[in-house]
């Protein structure tokens, strides 16, 4: 797989010079997961960060109600989107998990190494944090819509 070419298909990376994309490509490891399997697990150490290449993932949140635990799919992730970004924003543990809805391929990044690269290249750091902010905003919006639907149904 040509990781650099794939990264250039992501709109946020288009604004980076080749050196920034090349650095990201060098840090990436290609991984695969079968449908139904977890990539990252809520509560585990947030040492990796991912960008989906192909397939589809569900972002799942497990809630413990004391007597029972329930798992909810909060949103889904498609090609070119990031997931498991908890470590990039300073959370020591994943705040949700990611389950493959289809056989999927992803790019895996070591958070510590990526943070070092972001410190060295502020432009790359700005692009990555913009992507994180956009991801958080879209997930918040999806959760707001889910809450509004549930509230409307209960009235």
C-alpha atoms as a PDB file:
ATOM      1  CA  UNK A   1       0.000   0.000   0.000  1.00  0.00           C
ATOM      2  CA  UNK A   2       1.229   3.499  -0.857  1.00  0.00           C
ATOM      3  CA  UNK A   3       0.632   5.207   2.503  1.00  0.00           C
ATOM      4  CA  UNK A   4       1.812   8.621   1.309  1.00  0.00           C
ATOM      5  CA  UNK A   5      -0.584   8.563  -1.667  1.00  0.00           C
ATOM      6  CA  UNK A   6      -3.463   7.576   0.629  1.00  0.00           C
ATOM      7  CA  UNK A   7      -2.692  10.373   3.100  1.00  0.00           C
ATOM      8  CA  UNK A   8      -2.736  12.880   0.243  1.00  0.00           C
ATOM      9  CA  UNK A   9      -6.377  11.898  -0.444  1.00  0.00           C
ATOM     10  CA  UNK A  10      -7.355  13.321   2.964  1.00  0.00           C
ATOM     11  CA  UNK A  11      -8.279  16.996   2.443  1.00  0.00           C
ATOM     12  CA  UNK A  12      -6.482  18.236   5.582  1.00  0.00           C
ATOM     13  CA  UNK A  13      -3.200  16.706   4.411  1.00  0.00           C
ATOM     14  CA  UNK A  14      -3.428  18.441   1.024  1.00  0.00           C
ATOM     15  CA  UNK A  15      -2.320  21.684   2.689  1.00  0.00           C
ATOM     16  CA  UNK A  16       0.872  20.119   4.025  1.00  0.00           C
ATOM     17  CA  UNK A  17       4.196  20.206   2.222  1.00  0.00           C
ATOM     18  CA  UNK A  18       5.498  16.830   1.050  1.00  0.00           C
ATOM     19  CA  UNK A  19       7.832  16.624   4.062  1.00  0.00           C
ATOM     20  CA  UNK A  20       4.876  16.602   6.487  1.00  0.00           C
ATOM     21  CA  UNK A  21       3.025  13.908   4.561  1.00  0.00           C
ATOM     22  CA  UNK A  22       6.254  11.914   4.236  1.00  0.00           C
ATOM     23  CA  UNK A  23       6.794  12.102   8.007  1.00  0.00           C
ATOM     24  CA  UNK A  24       3.264  10.840   8.685  1.00  0.00           C
ATOM     25  CA  UNK A  25       3.763   8.025   6.164  1.00  0.00           C
ATOM     26  CA  UNK A  26       6.993   6.952   7.896  1.00  0.00           C
ATOM     27  CA  UNK A  27       5.254   6.834  11.285  1.00  0.00           C
ATOM     28  CA  UNK A  28       2.322   4.763   9.992  1.00  0.00           C
ATOM     29  CA  UNK A  29       1.914   1.008  10.253  1.00  0.00           C
ATOM     30  CA  UNK A  30      -0.756  -0.663   8.148  1.00  0.00           C
ATOM     31  CA  UNK A  31      -3.151  -2.872  10.096  1.00  0.00           C
ATOM     32  CA  UNK A  32      -6.235  -4.945   9.353  1.00  0.00           C
ATOM     33  CA  UNK A  33      -9.209  -6.109  11.365  1.00  0.00           C
ATOM     34  CA  UNK A  34     -12.028  -8.536  10.627  1.00  0.00           C
ATOM     35  CA  UNK A  35     -15.685  -7.544  10.919  1.00  0.00           C
ATOM     36  CA  UNK A  36     -16.888  -7.773  14.516  1.00  0.00           C
ATOM     37  CA  UNK A  37     -13.429  -7.352  16.059  1.00  0.00           C
ATOM     38  CA  UNK A  38     -12.322  -4.462  18.239  1.00  0.00           C
ATOM     39  CA  UNK A  39      -9.442  -2.186  17.228  1.00  0.00           C
ATOM     40  CA  UNK A  40      -9.225  -0.175  20.455  1.00  0.00           C
ATOM     41  CA  UNK A  41     -11.059  -0.805  23.721  1.00  0.00           C
ATOM     42  CA  UNK A  42     -12.626   1.762  26.040  1.00  0.00           C
ATOM     43  CA  UNK A  43     -10.603   2.133  29.238  1.00  0.00           C
ATOM     44  CA  UNK A  44      -7.373   0.650  27.885  1.00  0.00           C
ATOM     45  CA  UNK A  45      -4.194   2.785  27.624  1.00  0.00           C
ATOM     46  CA  UNK A  46      -4.481   5.241  24.718  1.00  0.00           C
ATOM     47  CA  UNK A  47      -1.100   4.537  23.133  1.00  0.00           C
ATOM     48  CA  UNK A  48      -2.221   4.322  19.485  1.00  0.00           C
ATOM     49  CA  UNK A  49      -4.092   6.588  17.099  1.00  0.00           C
ATOM     50  CA  UNK A  50      -5.630   5.473  13.794  1.00  0.00           C
ATOM     51  CA  UNK A  51      -6.860   6.633  10.401  1.00  0.00           C
ATOM     52  CA  UNK A  52      -9.249   4.316   8.572  1.00  0.00           C
ATOM     53  CA  UNK A  53      -8.152   3.351   5.049  1.00  0.00           C
ATOM     54  CA  UNK A  54     -11.013   1.054   4.014  1.00  0.00           C
ATOM     55  CA  UNK A  55     -14.062  -0.572   5.560  1.00  0.00           C
ATOM     56  CA  UNK A  56     -16.282   0.824   8.298  1.00  0.00           C
ATOM     57  CA  UNK A  57     -15.967   1.038  12.082  1.00  0.00           C
ATOM     58  CA  UNK A  58     -18.507   1.710  14.788  1.00  0.00           C
ATOM     59  CA  UNK A  59     -17.447   3.894  17.710  1.00  0.00           C
ATOM     60  CA  UNK A  60     -18.862   2.109  20.742  1.00  0.00           C
ATOM     61  CA  UNK A  61     -19.420   3.363  24.255  1.00  0.00           C
ATOM     62  CA  UNK A  62     -19.914   0.977  27.155  1.00  0.00           C
ATOM     63  CA  UNK A  63     -21.949   2.273  30.072  1.00  0.00           C
ATOM     64  CA  UNK A  64     -22.133   0.534  33.428  1.00  0.00           C
ATOM     65  CA  UNK A  65     -25.517   1.001  35.115  1.00  0.00           C
ATOM     66  CA  UNK A  66     -24.554  -0.962  38.214  1.00  0.00           C
ATOM     67  CA  UNK A  67     -26.660  -4.033  37.581  1.00  0.00           C
ATOM     68  CA  UNK A  68     -26.028  -4.190  33.871  1.00  0.00           C
ATOM     69  CA  UNK A  69     -23.610  -2.946  31.263  1.00  0.00           C
ATOM     70  CA  UNK A  70     -24.871  -1.688  27.914  1.00  0.00           C
ATOM     71  CA  UNK A  71     -22.894  -0.964  24.774  1.00  0.00           C
ATOM     72  CA  UNK A  72     -24.039   1.763  22.410  1.00  0.00           C
ATOM     73  CA  UNK A  73     -22.798   2.620  18.939  1.00  0.00           C
ATOM     74  CA  UNK A  74     -22.255   6.377  19.059  1.00  0.00           C
ATOM     75  CA  UNK A  75     -21.284   6.913  15.411  1.00  0.00           C
ATOM     76  CA  UNK A  76     -19.465   5.243  12.559  1.00  0.00           C
ATOM     77  CA  UNK A  77     -16.119   5.962  10.910  1.00  0.00           C
ATOM     78  CA  UNK A  78     -15.401   5.770   7.189  1.00  0.00           C
ATOM     79  CA  UNK A  79     -12.244   5.858   5.049  1.00  0.00           C
ATOM     80  CA  UNK A  80     -10.025   8.884   5.651  1.00  0.00           C
ATOM     81  CA  UNK A  81     -11.446   9.513   9.119  1.00  0.00           C
ATOM     82  CA  UNK A  82      -9.505   9.295  12.364  1.00  0.00           C
ATOM     83  CA  UNK A  83     -10.440   7.305  15.436  1.00  0.00           C
ATOM     84  CA  UNK A  84      -9.010   6.481  18.873  1.00  0.00           C
ATOM     85  CA  UNK A  85      -7.543   9.977  19.213  1.00  0.00           C
ATOM     86  CA  UNK A  86      -7.762  10.013  23.049  1.00  0.00           C
ATOM     87  CA  UNK A  87      -3.989   9.869  23.530  1.00  0.00           C
ATOM     88  CA  UNK A  88      -3.458  12.808  21.179  1.00  0.00           C
ATOM     89  CA  UNK A  89      -5.536  15.071  23.416  1.00  0.00           C
ATOM     90  CA  UNK A  90      -3.950  13.965  26.689  1.00  0.00           C
ATOM     91  CA  UNK A  91      -6.361  11.254  27.836  1.00  0.00           C
ATOM     92  CA  UNK A  92      -4.368   8.337  29.227  1.00  0.00           C
ATOM     93  CA  UNK A  93      -7.143   5.847  28.336  1.00  0.00           C
ATOM     94  CA  UNK A  94      -9.504   5.418  25.397  1.00  0.00           C
ATOM     95  CA  UNK A  95     -12.838   7.096  26.153  1.00  0.00           C
ATOM     96  CA  UNK A  96     -14.689   4.810  23.707  1.00  0.00           C
ATOM     97  CA  UNK A  97     -13.850   1.772  21.588  1.00  0.00           C
ATOM     98  CA  UNK A  98     -13.901   0.962  17.879  1.00  0.00           C
ATOM     99  CA  UNK A  99     -15.504  -2.189  16.445  1.00  0.00           C
ATOM    100  CA  UNK A 100     -15.145  -3.189  12.798  1.00  0.00           C
ATOM    101  CA  UNK A 101     -18.517  -3.257  11.043  1.00  0.00           C
ATOM    102  CA  UNK A 102     -16.796  -4.713   7.958  1.00  0.00           C
ATOM    103  CA  UNK A 103     -13.338  -6.065   7.245  1.00  0.00           C
ATOM    104  CA  UNK A 104     -11.209  -2.938   7.517  1.00  0.00           C
ATOM    105  CA  UNK A 105      -7.716  -1.597   6.902  1.00  0.00           C
ATOM    106  CA  UNK A 106      -6.249   1.249   8.927  1.00  0.00           C
ATOM    107  CA  UNK A 107      -3.085   3.217   9.556  1.00  0.00           C
ATOM    108  CA  UNK A 108      -1.784   2.898  13.109  1.00  0.00           C
ATOM    109  CA  UNK A 109       0.374   5.559  14.763  1.00  0.00           C
ATOM    110  CA  UNK A 110       2.235   5.391  18.069  1.00  0.00           C
ATOM    111  CA  UNK A 111       0.940   8.399  20.053  1.00  0.00           C
ATOM    112  CA  UNK A 112       4.293   9.157  21.752  1.00  0.00           C
ATOM    113  CA  UNK A 113       6.188   9.163  18.436  1.00  0.00           C
ATOM    114  CA  UNK A 114       3.453  11.156  16.729  1.00  0.00           C
ATOM    115  CA  UNK A 115       3.455  13.762  19.512  1.00  0.00           C
ATOM    116  CA  UNK A 116       7.225  14.164  19.079  1.00  0.00           C
ATOM    117  CA  UNK A 117       6.729  14.720  15.341  1.00  0.00           C
ATOM    118  CA  UNK A 118       3.970  17.266  16.000  1.00  0.00           C
ATOM    119  CA  UNK A 119       6.295  19.203  18.326  1.00  0.00           C
ATOM    120  CA  UNK A 120       8.990  19.279  15.626  1.00  0.00           C
ATOM    121  CA  UNK A 121       6.607  20.332  12.837  1.00  0.00           C
ATOM    122  CA  UNK A 122       4.077  22.927  14.077  1.00  0.00           C
ATOM    123  CA  UNK A 123       2.293  22.982  10.711  1.00  0.00           C
ATOM    124  CA  UNK A 124       1.685  19.231  10.932  1.00  0.00           C
ATOM    125  CA  UNK A 125       0.584  19.703  14.546  1.00  0.00           C
ATOM    126  CA  UNK A 126      -1.935  22.355  13.506  1.00  0.00           C
ATOM    127  CA  UNK A 127      -3.373  20.119  10.792  1.00  0.00           C
ATOM    128  CA  UNK A 128      -3.663  17.139  13.142  1.00  0.00           C
ATOM    129  CA  UNK A 129      -5.311  19.158  15.918  1.00  0.00           C
ATOM    130  CA  UNK A 130      -7.731  20.660  13.376  1.00  0.00           C
ATOM    131  CA  UNK A 131      -8.661  17.105  12.337  1.00  0.00           C
ATOM    132  CA  UNK A 132      -9.147  16.119  15.990  1.00  0.00           C
ATOM    133  CA  UNK A 133     -11.329  19.184  16.616  1.00  0.00           C
ATOM    134  CA  UNK A 134     -13.457  18.452  13.534  1.00  0.00           C
ATOM    135  CA  UNK A 135     -13.859  14.832  14.632  1.00  0.00           C
ATOM    136  CA  UNK A 136     -14.898  15.839  18.148  1.00  0.00           C
ATOM    137  CA  UNK A 137     -17.369  18.398  16.768  1.00  0.00           C
ATOM    138  CA  UNK A 138     -18.969  15.879  14.394  1.00  0.00           C
ATOM    139  CA  UNK A 139     -19.297  13.270  17.154  1.00  0.00           C
ATOM    140  CA  UNK A 140     -20.801  15.813  19.514  1.00  0.00           C
ATOM    141  CA  UNK A 141     -23.322  16.761  16.824  1.00  0.00           C
ATOM    142  CA  UNK A 142     -24.193  13.091  16.225  1.00  0.00           C
ATOM    143  CA  UNK A 143     -24.761  12.586  19.958  1.00  0.00           C
ATOM    144  CA  UNK A 144     -26.901  15.739  20.150  1.00  0.00           C
ATOM    145  CA  UNK A 145     -29.083  14.411  17.336  1.00  0.00           C
ATOM    146  CA  UNK A 146     -29.402  11.023  19.040  1.00  0.00           C
ATOM    147  CA  UNK A 147     -30.434  12.708  22.313  1.00  0.00           C
ATOM    148  CA  UNK A 148     -32.936  14.922  20.521  1.00  0.00           C
ATOM    149  CA  UNK A 149     -34.467  11.897  18.789  1.00  0.00           C
ATOM    150  CA  UNK A 150     -34.746   9.957  22.042  1.00  0.00           C
ATOM    151  CA  UNK A 151     -36.224  12.947  23.838  1.00  0.00           C
ATOM    152  CA  UNK A 152     -38.750  13.543  21.035  1.00  0.00           C
ATOM    153  CA  UNK A 153     -39.801   9.887  21.124  1.00  0.00           C
ATOM    154  CA  UNK A 154     -40.384   9.969  24.875  1.00  0.00           C
ATOM    155  CA  UNK A 155     -42.747  12.966  24.749  1.00  0.00           C
END
